[in-house]
Amino acid sequence: MKATQNPPNTGTVTTADLLRMAALYLRRHGWHQGTYYAPTTDIPTPPACAAGAIRIACAGRPVERFVQLDDDTIADYLTALDVFVDHLDVTAPMFFIDEDGHLLDEHTSPYSWNDDPARTAEQVITALEAAADEWDHLHTAGSENR
């Protein structure tokens, strides 16, 4: 193959693929709490939170702001994050109540969930992989919910 030739595209990257890539990123480069990425300037692959790892899986690099992304990448990120939140809503629901006793948010925040002091890197990685498995089950040809 010549350097000017493009290799054939082997298929579409699914939401499940992006979630698994995020989990793999965390395994290889480390997990972080408090911000999307650990504050470092000496490495191009900083430890990341769950949402930061999903952004990296979608964009191929650490991204702080949506303005740094094209519309397709933003859509991929938001879809993968939604699937992750849906998984957390079922497996680890967190509800936030205001001082009057009203429910503030009916969905589990992936940011609060990731930043829980009792959370571990393995729990985050496992949740990303489980959300990917769930997406595959619901969207692949062998699923009864096609």
C-alpha atoms as a PDB file:
ATOM      1  CA  MET A   1       0.000   0.000   0.000  1.00  0.00           C
ATOM      2  CA  LYS A   2       1.291   3.442  -0.860  1.00  0.00           C
ATOM      3  CA  ALA A   3       1.436   6.140   1.778  1.00  0.00           C
ATOM      4  CA  THR A   4      -1.188   8.153  -0.082  1.00  0.00           C
ATOM      5  CA  GLN A   5      -3.765   5.374  -0.011  1.00  0.00           C
ATOM      6  CA  ASN A   6      -6.352   5.210   2.715  1.00  0.00           C
ATOM      7  CA  PRO A   7      -6.956   1.825   4.313  1.00  0.00           C
ATOM      8  CA  PRO A   8     -10.511   0.533   3.943  1.00  0.00           C
ATOM      9  CA  ASN A   9     -12.957   1.412   6.683  1.00  0.00           C
ATOM     10  CA  THR A  10     -13.726  -1.808   8.534  1.00  0.00           C
ATOM     11  CA  GLY A  11     -17.019  -0.689  10.018  1.00  0.00           C
ATOM     12  CA  THR A  12     -18.900   1.819  12.065  1.00  0.00           C
ATOM     13  CA  VAL A  13     -17.818   2.643  15.578  1.00  0.00           C
ATOM     14  CA  THR A  14     -20.797   2.063  17.859  1.00  0.00           C
ATOM     15  CA  THR A  15     -21.726   3.672  21.142  1.00  0.00           C
ATOM     16  CA  ALA A  16     -20.685   0.429  22.841  1.00  0.00           C
ATOM     17  CA  ASP A  17     -17.283   0.662  21.165  1.00  0.00           C
ATOM     18  CA  LEU A  18     -16.830   4.199  22.508  1.00  0.00           C
ATOM     19  CA  LEU A  19     -17.742   3.120  26.044  1.00  0.00           C
ATOM     20  CA  ARG A  20     -15.286   0.212  25.860  1.00  0.00           C
ATOM     21  CA  MET A  21     -12.593   2.551  24.507  1.00  0.00           C
ATOM     22  CA  ALA A  22     -13.226   4.854  27.473  1.00  0.00           C
ATOM     23  CA  ALA A  23     -12.846   1.913  29.872  1.00  0.00           C
ATOM     24  CA  LEU A  24      -9.624   0.840  28.139  1.00  0.00           C
ATOM     25  CA  TYR A  25      -8.306   4.394  28.315  1.00  0.00           C
ATOM     26  CA  LEU A  26      -8.848   4.400  32.092  1.00  0.00           C
ATOM     27  CA  ARG A  27      -7.099   1.036  32.453  1.00  0.00           C
ATOM     28  CA  ARG A  28      -4.092   2.249  30.481  1.00  0.00           C
ATOM     29  CA  HIS A  29      -3.782   5.877  31.588  1.00  0.00           C
ATOM     30  CA  GLY A  30      -5.492   6.087  34.961  1.00  0.00           C
ATOM     31  CA  TRP A  31      -8.676   7.359  36.547  1.00  0.00           C
ATOM     32  CA  HIS A  32      -9.260  10.806  38.040  1.00  0.00           C
ATOM     33  CA  GLN A  33     -11.835  12.558  40.207  1.00  0.00           C
ATOM     34  CA  GLY A  34     -12.873  16.210  40.437  1.00  0.00           C
ATOM     35  CA  THR A  35     -12.222  17.364  36.867  1.00  0.00           C
ATOM     36  CA  TYR A  36     -12.299  15.786  33.413  1.00  0.00           C
ATOM     37  CA  TYR A  37      -8.533  15.285  33.431  1.00  0.00           C
ATOM     38  CA  ALA A  38      -5.750  15.294  35.989  1.00  0.00           C
ATOM     39  CA  PRO A  39      -3.973  18.657  35.853  1.00  0.00           C
ATOM     40  CA  THR A  40      -0.741  17.823  34.067  1.00  0.00           C
ATOM     41  CA  THR A  41       1.099  19.320  31.149  1.00  0.00           C
ATOM     42  CA  ASP A  42       3.850  16.758  30.754  1.00  0.00           C
ATOM     43  CA  ILE A  43       1.786  13.900  29.257  1.00  0.00           C
ATOM     44  CA  PRO A  44      -0.674  13.887  26.348  1.00  0.00           C
ATOM     45  CA  THR A  45      -2.766  11.128  27.951  1.00  0.00           C
ATOM     46  CA  PRO A  46      -3.699  12.308  31.451  1.00  0.00           C
ATOM     47  CA  PRO A  47      -5.752  10.272  33.898  1.00  0.00           C
ATOM     48  CA  ALA A  48      -9.443  11.041  33.289  1.00  0.00           C
ATOM     49  CA  CYS A  49     -12.844  10.798  34.927  1.00  0.00           C
ATOM     50  CA  ALA A  50     -15.527   8.635  33.291  1.00  0.00           C
ATOM     51  CA  ALA A  51     -16.918  11.545  31.234  1.00  0.00           C
ATOM     52  CA  GLY A  52     -13.416  12.699  30.292  1.00  0.00           C
ATOM     53  CA  ALA A  53     -12.524   9.192  29.113  1.00  0.00           C
ATOM     54  CA  ILE A  54     -15.688   9.102  26.983  1.00  0.00           C
ATOM     55  CA  ARG A  55     -14.683  12.464  25.452  1.00  0.00           C
ATOM     56  CA  ILE A  56     -11.232  11.101  24.652  1.00  0.00           C
ATOM     57  CA  ALA A  57     -12.757   7.981  23.104  1.00  0.00           C
ATOM     58  CA  CYS A  58     -14.916  10.185  20.864  1.00  0.00           C
ATOM     59  CA  ALA A  59     -12.366  12.871  19.966  1.00  0.00           C
ATOM     60  CA  GLY A  60      -9.101  10.942  20.146  1.00  0.00           C
ATOM     61  CA  ARG A  61      -7.599  13.482  22.537  1.00  0.00           C
ATOM     62  CA  PRO A  62      -8.406  15.279  25.801  1.00  0.00           C
ATOM     63  CA  VAL A  63     -11.071  17.933  25.166  1.00  0.00           C
ATOM     64  CA  GLU A  64     -12.168  20.488  27.754  1.00  0.00           C
ATOM     65  CA  ARG A  65     -14.882  22.359  25.817  1.00  0.00           C
ATOM     66  CA  PHE A  66     -17.504  21.447  23.220  1.00  0.00           C
ATOM     67  CA  VAL A  67     -16.332  24.311  21.005  1.00  0.00           C
ATOM     68  CA  GLN A  68     -13.222  22.189  20.330  1.00  0.00           C
ATOM     69  CA  LEU A  69     -15.369  19.451  18.737  1.00  0.00           C
ATOM     70  CA  ASP A  70     -17.300  19.055  15.513  1.00  0.00           C
ATOM     71  CA  ASP A  71     -21.042  18.355  15.594  1.00  0.00           C
ATOM     72  CA  ASP A  72     -20.687  14.611  14.910  1.00  0.00           C
ATOM     73  CA  THR A  73     -18.197  14.168  17.752  1.00  0.00           C
ATOM     74  CA  ILE A  74     -20.429  16.116  20.142  1.00  0.00           C
ATOM     75  CA  ALA A  75     -23.379  13.907  19.148  1.00  0.00           C
ATOM     76  CA  ASP A  76     -21.310  10.747  19.692  1.00  0.00           C
ATOM     77  CA  TYR A  77     -20.177  12.001  23.100  1.00  0.00           C
ATOM     78  CA  LEU A  78     -23.673  12.959  24.247  1.00  0.00           C
ATOM     79  CA  THR A  79     -25.096   9.625  23.075  1.00  0.00           C
ATOM     80  CA  ALA A  80     -22.390   7.617  24.863  1.00  0.00           C
ATOM     81  CA  LEU A  81     -22.805   9.716  28.011  1.00  0.00           C
ATOM     82  CA  ASP A  82     -26.597   9.209  27.898  1.00  0.00           C
ATOM     83  CA  VAL A  83     -26.175   5.436  27.607  1.00  0.00           C
ATOM     84  CA  PHE A  84     -23.769   5.527  30.557  1.00  0.00           C
ATOM     85  CA  VAL A  85     -26.241   7.607  32.620  1.00  0.00           C
ATOM     86  CA  ASP A  86     -29.091   5.226  31.719  1.00  0.00           C
ATOM     87  CA  HIS A  87     -26.962   2.347  32.986  1.00  0.00           C
ATOM     88  CA  LEU A  88     -26.149   4.206  36.216  1.00  0.00           C
ATOM     89  CA  ASP A  89     -29.837   5.068  36.719  1.00  0.00           C
ATOM     90  CA  VAL A  90     -30.573   1.341  36.915  1.00  0.00           C
ATOM     91  CA  THR A  91     -27.481   0.096  38.743  1.00  0.00           C
ATOM     92  CA  ALA A  92     -26.459   2.998  40.993  1.00  0.00           C
ATOM     93  CA  PRO A  93     -29.228   5.596  41.224  1.00  0.00           C
ATOM     94  CA  MET A  94     -28.383   8.824  43.021  1.00  0.00           C
ATOM     95  CA  PHE A  95     -31.170  11.278  43.745  1.00  0.00           C
ATOM     96  CA  PHE A  96     -30.706  14.858  44.797  1.00  0.00           C
ATOM     97  CA  ILE A  97     -33.331  16.498  47.023  1.00  0.00           C
ATOM     98  CA  ASP A  98     -33.552  20.247  47.702  1.00  0.00           C
ATOM     99  CA  GLU A  99     -34.211  21.713  51.162  1.00  0.00           C
ATOM    100  CA  ASP A 100     -37.981  21.543  50.535  1.00  0.00           C
ATOM    101  CA  GLY A 101     -37.842  17.832  49.793  1.00  0.00           C
ATOM    102  CA  HIS A 102     -38.303  18.172  46.014  1.00  0.00           C
ATOM    103  CA  LEU A 103     -36.465  15.870  43.660  1.00  0.00           C
ATOM    104  CA  LEU A 104     -33.885  17.957  41.786  1.00  0.00           C
ATOM    105  CA  ASP A 105     -32.704  15.447  39.230  1.00  0.00           C
ATOM    106  CA  GLU A 106     -34.236  12.176  38.197  1.00  0.00           C
ATOM    107  CA  HIS A 107     -31.031  10.925  36.573  1.00  0.00           C
ATOM    108  CA  THR A 108     -27.793   9.855  38.147  1.00  0.00           C
ATOM    109  CA  SER A 109     -25.085  12.420  37.492  1.00  0.00           C
ATOM    110  CA  PRO A 110     -22.043  10.680  36.023  1.00  0.00           C
ATOM    111  CA  TYR A 111     -19.932  13.477  37.509  1.00  0.00           C
ATOM    112  CA  SER A 112     -21.192  13.074  41.088  1.00  0.00           C
ATOM    113  CA  TRP A 113     -21.108   9.298  40.747  1.00  0.00           C
ATOM    114  CA  ASN A 114     -17.505   9.376  39.473  1.00  0.00           C
ATOM    115  CA  ASP A 115     -16.442  11.831  42.183  1.00  0.00           C
ATOM    116  CA  ASP A 116     -17.957   9.935  45.130  1.00  0.00           C
ATOM    117  CA  PRO A 117     -15.064   9.513  47.615  1.00  0.00           C
ATOM    118  CA  ALA A 118     -15.944   5.825  48.001  1.00  0.00           C
ATOM    119  CA  ARG A 119     -15.778   5.200  44.216  1.00  0.00           C
ATOM    120  CA  THR A 120     -12.918   3.118  42.796  1.00  0.00           C
ATOM    121  CA  ALA A 121     -11.344   3.033  39.364  1.00  0.00           C
ATOM    122  CA  GLU A 122     -12.443  -0.567  38.926  1.00  0.00           C
ATOM    123  CA  GLN A 123     -16.079   0.362  39.622  1.00  0.00           C
ATOM    124  CA  VAL A 124     -15.931   3.076  36.944  1.00  0.00           C
ATOM    125  CA  ILE A 125     -14.288   0.779  34.395  1.00  0.00           C
ATOM    126  CA  THR A 126     -16.753  -2.011  35.157  1.00  0.00           C
ATOM    127  CA  ALA A 127     -19.721   0.371  34.797  1.00  0.00           C
ATOM    128  CA  LEU A 128     -18.468   1.636  31.407  1.00  0.00           C
ATOM    129  CA  GLU A 129     -18.039  -1.938  30.173  1.00  0.00           C
ATOM    130  CA  ALA A 130     -21.450  -2.984  31.530  1.00  0.00           C
ATOM    131  CA  ALA A 131     -23.120  -0.006  29.807  1.00  0.00           C
ATOM    132  CA  ALA A 132     -21.427  -1.089  26.560  1.00  0.00           C
ATOM    133  CA  ASP A 133     -22.664  -4.665  26.999  1.00  0.00           C
ATOM    134  CA  GLU A 134     -26.162  -3.331  27.656  1.00  0.00           C
ATOM    135  CA  TRP A 135     -26.051  -1.217  24.474  1.00  0.00           C
ATOM    136  CA  ASP A 136     -24.883  -4.238  22.466  1.00  0.00           C
ATOM    137  CA  HIS A 137     -27.680  -6.372  23.887  1.00  0.00           C
ATOM    138  CA  LEU A 138     -30.279  -3.806  22.864  1.00  0.00           C
ATOM    139  CA  HIS A 139     -28.852  -2.882  19.452  1.00  0.00           C
ATOM    140  CA  THR A 140     -27.124  -5.875  17.882  1.00  0.00           C
ATOM    141  CA  ALA A 141     -28.645  -8.332  15.418  1.00  0.00           C
ATOM    142  CA  GLY A 142     -28.941 -11.108  17.991  1.00  0.00           C
ATOM    143  CA  SER A 143     -31.003  -9.080  20.426  1.00  0.00           C
ATOM    144  CA  GLU A 144     -34.647  -9.823  21.034  1.00  0.00           C
ATOM    145  CA  ASN A 145     -35.275  -6.045  21.289  1.00  0.00           C
ATOM    146  CA  ARG A 146     -34.213  -5.155  17.753  1.00  0.00           C
END
